[in-house]
């Protein structure tokens, strides 16, 4: 079922959430001793992210995300950190899938478990911005893959 067009006050709230994460990014400081470092780059627009991850058993214990680029790419990375820290690798992979589906399908009704990430749903209406919103998420996926492969550095290019 297609989602109805949000009320103007919801648009404003979502805009404020995105701007807040862009202006005040969470978990930006690099981790002192990450288990994995993953780097992502979008050559079309120059967005860059670098993530450091630490794990405790199968959980993401620590996560940092920093870089440079547009407000969408940087806010998405900040929001990702808040959504993923403390989650199991399996839960993180599920969030990657849910988020990617939400921002690539304008008809997709976002599941409640995405929480504030729903603020980025509007990106689906602007295909040129999808890579901005998903860069950090693909980079996280690369980092998780690299951990499973036993490596330390992963690179992702959109």
Protein backbone atom coordinates (compact mmCIF):
# COMPACT_ATOMS: atom_id res chain seq x y z
CA UNK A 1 0.00 0.00 0.00
CA UNK A 2 1.55 3.34 -0.99
CA UNK A 3 2.24 5.70 1.86
CA UNK A 4 0.26 8.90 1.88
CA UNK A 5 2.10 12.16 1.40
CA UNK A 6 3.36 13.35 4.80
CA UNK A 7 1.82 16.36 6.44
CA UNK A 8 3.93 19.55 6.20
CA UNK A 9 4.86 19.36 9.91
CA UNK A 10 6.25 15.84 9.36
CA UNK A 11 8.30 17.11 6.42
CA UNK A 12 9.72 19.80 8.67
CA UNK A 13 10.44 17.32 11.47
CA UNK A 14 12.23 14.98 9.06
CA UNK A 15 14.22 17.88 7.62
CA UNK A 16 15.25 18.89 11.15
CA UNK A 17 16.35 15.33 12.03
CA UNK A 18 18.54 15.17 8.91
CA UNK A 19 20.01 18.64 9.49
CA UNK A 20 20.68 17.88 13.14
CA UNK A 21 22.66 14.74 12.24
CA UNK A 22 24.54 16.67 9.53
CA UNK A 23 25.42 19.58 11.83
CA UNK A 24 26.03 17.44 14.94
CA UNK A 25 27.17 14.04 13.68
CA UNK A 26 27.15 11.23 16.21
CA UNK A 27 30.06 8.84 16.72
CA UNK A 28 32.34 10.85 14.43
CA UNK A 29 35.59 10.41 16.36
CA UNK A 30 37.66 7.51 14.96
CA UNK A 31 37.91 4.49 17.24
CA UNK A 32 41.29 4.03 18.93
CA UNK A 33 41.75 0.38 17.94
CA UNK A 34 39.08 -0.78 15.47
CA UNK A 35 38.75 -4.42 14.50
CA UNK A 36 37.80 -3.38 10.97
CA UNK A 37 38.11 -0.15 8.97
CA UNK A 38 35.82 0.28 5.96
CA UNK A 39 36.06 3.12 3.47
CA UNK A 40 33.41 4.23 1.00
CA UNK A 41 33.61 6.71 -1.86
CA UNK A 42 31.17 7.99 -4.44
CA UNK A 43 33.22 9.35 -7.37
CA UNK A 44 30.14 10.96 -8.96
CA UNK A 45 29.71 13.49 -6.18
CA UNK A 46 32.81 13.11 -4.01
CA UNK A 47 31.06 11.80 -0.88
CA UNK A 48 33.43 9.87 1.39
CA UNK A 49 32.95 7.88 4.57
CA UNK A 50 35.30 5.94 6.78
CA UNK A 51 34.01 3.57 9.43
CA UNK A 52 35.76 1.89 12.26
CA UNK A 53 34.07 -1.08 13.88
CA UNK A 54 34.75 -3.06 17.03
CA UNK A 55 33.00 -6.29 17.87
CA UNK A 56 32.23 -8.21 21.00
CA UNK A 57 31.25 -11.74 20.04
CA UNK A 58 28.67 -11.24 17.29
CA UNK A 59 27.66 -7.70 18.36
CA UNK A 60 28.83 -4.35 17.08
CA UNK A 61 30.34 -2.86 20.21
CA UNK A 62 31.77 0.33 18.73
CA UNK A 63 31.25 2.17 15.48
CA UNK A 64 32.58 5.45 14.18
CA UNK A 65 31.63 7.13 10.93
CA UNK A 66 33.31 10.22 9.58
CA UNK A 67 33.93 11.70 6.19
CA UNK A 68 32.89 14.54 3.98
CA UNK A 69 30.15 15.12 1.51
CA UNK A 70 26.59 16.30 1.18
CA UNK A 71 24.15 16.60 4.05
CA UNK A 72 22.33 13.41 3.02
CA UNK A 73 25.44 11.20 2.98
CA UNK A 74 26.81 12.55 6.24
CA UNK A 75 23.47 12.56 8.08
CA UNK A 76 22.79 9.01 6.89
CA UNK A 77 26.15 7.88 8.29
CA UNK A 78 25.46 9.54 11.63
CA UNK A 79 21.98 8.04 11.82
CA UNK A 80 23.40 4.63 10.90
CA UNK A 81 25.73 4.69 13.91
CA UNK A 82 22.88 5.32 16.31
CA UNK A 83 20.79 2.58 14.74
CA UNK A 84 23.51 -0.08 14.61
CA UNK A 85 25.69 0.21 17.74
CA UNK A 86 24.88 -2.68 20.07
CA UNK A 87 23.14 -4.71 17.38
CA UNK A 88 24.22 -8.17 16.32
CA UNK A 89 25.86 -8.54 12.91
CA UNK A 90 22.69 -10.28 11.73
CA UNK A 91 20.48 -7.39 12.97
CA UNK A 92 22.81 -4.88 11.30
CA UNK A 93 22.54 -6.74 8.00
CA UNK A 94 18.75 -6.69 8.31
CA UNK A 95 18.81 -2.92 8.88
CA UNK A 96 21.04 -2.47 5.82
CA UNK A 97 18.49 -4.38 3.72
CA UNK A 98 15.47 -2.54 5.16
CA UNK A 99 17.09 0.89 4.78
CA UNK A 100 18.25 0.20 1.22
CA UNK A 101 14.80 -1.00 0.22
CA UNK A 102 13.16 2.06 1.80
CA UNK A 103 15.34 4.58 -0.08
CA UNK A 104 15.14 2.78 -3.42
CA UNK A 105 11.39 2.13 -3.51
CA UNK A 106 9.17 5.22 -3.12
CA UNK A 107 6.16 2.95 -2.61
CA UNK A 108 7.79 1.04 0.26
CA UNK A 109 6.19 1.53 3.67
CA UNK A 110 9.10 1.79 6.11
CA UNK A 111 8.98 -0.69 8.97
CA UNK A 112 8.74 0.77 12.48
CA UNK A 113 12.13 -0.70 13.42
CA UNK A 114 13.83 1.91 11.22
CA UNK A 115 12.74 4.63 13.65
CA UNK A 116 14.25 8.04 12.81
CA UNK A 117 15.83 6.58 9.67
CA UNK A 118 12.38 7.03 8.14
CA UNK A 119 13.35 10.71 7.80
CA UNK A 120 15.48 9.66 4.80
CA UNK A 121 12.60 7.94 3.01
CA UNK A 122 12.07 10.97 0.75
CA UNK A 123 15.39 10.21 -0.94
CA UNK A 124 13.57 7.49 -2.90
CA UNK A 125 11.87 10.25 -4.92
CA UNK A 126 15.28 11.54 -6.06
CA UNK A 127 17.25 8.66 -7.61
CA UNK A 128 20.38 10.80 -7.96
CA UNK A 129 20.50 11.09 -4.13
CA UNK A 130 20.04 7.38 -3.35
CA UNK A 131 23.80 6.74 -3.60
CA UNK A 132 24.34 9.59 -1.13
CA UNK A 133 21.98 8.01 1.40
CA UNK A 134 23.24 4.44 0.95
CA UNK A 135 27.01 5.05 0.83
CA UNK A 136 27.51 4.58 4.58
CA UNK A 137 25.19 1.55 4.60
CA UNK A 138 27.09 -0.17 1.78
CA UNK A 139 30.34 0.68 3.53
CA UNK A 140 29.03 -0.91 6.73
CA UNK A 141 28.11 -4.03 4.75
CA UNK A 142 31.63 -4.14 3.32
CA UNK A 143 33.06 -3.81 6.82
CA UNK A 144 30.90 -6.69 8.06
CA UNK A 145 31.98 -8.80 5.09
CA UNK A 146 35.60 -7.96 5.74
CA UNK A 147 35.26 -9.02 9.39
CA UNK A 148 33.85 -12.36 8.30
CA UNK A 149 36.73 -12.78 5.85
CA UNK A 150 39.22 -12.06 8.64
CA UNK A 151 40.57 -8.86 7.11
CA UNK A 152 41.04 -5.38 8.50
CA UNK A 153 40.35 -2.83 5.72
CA UNK A 154 37.44 -2.79 3.28
CA UNK A 155 36.83 -0.33 0.43
CA UNK A 156 33.52 0.48 -1.25
CA UNK A 157 33.00 2.60 -4.34
CA UNK A 158 29.52 3.52 -5.52
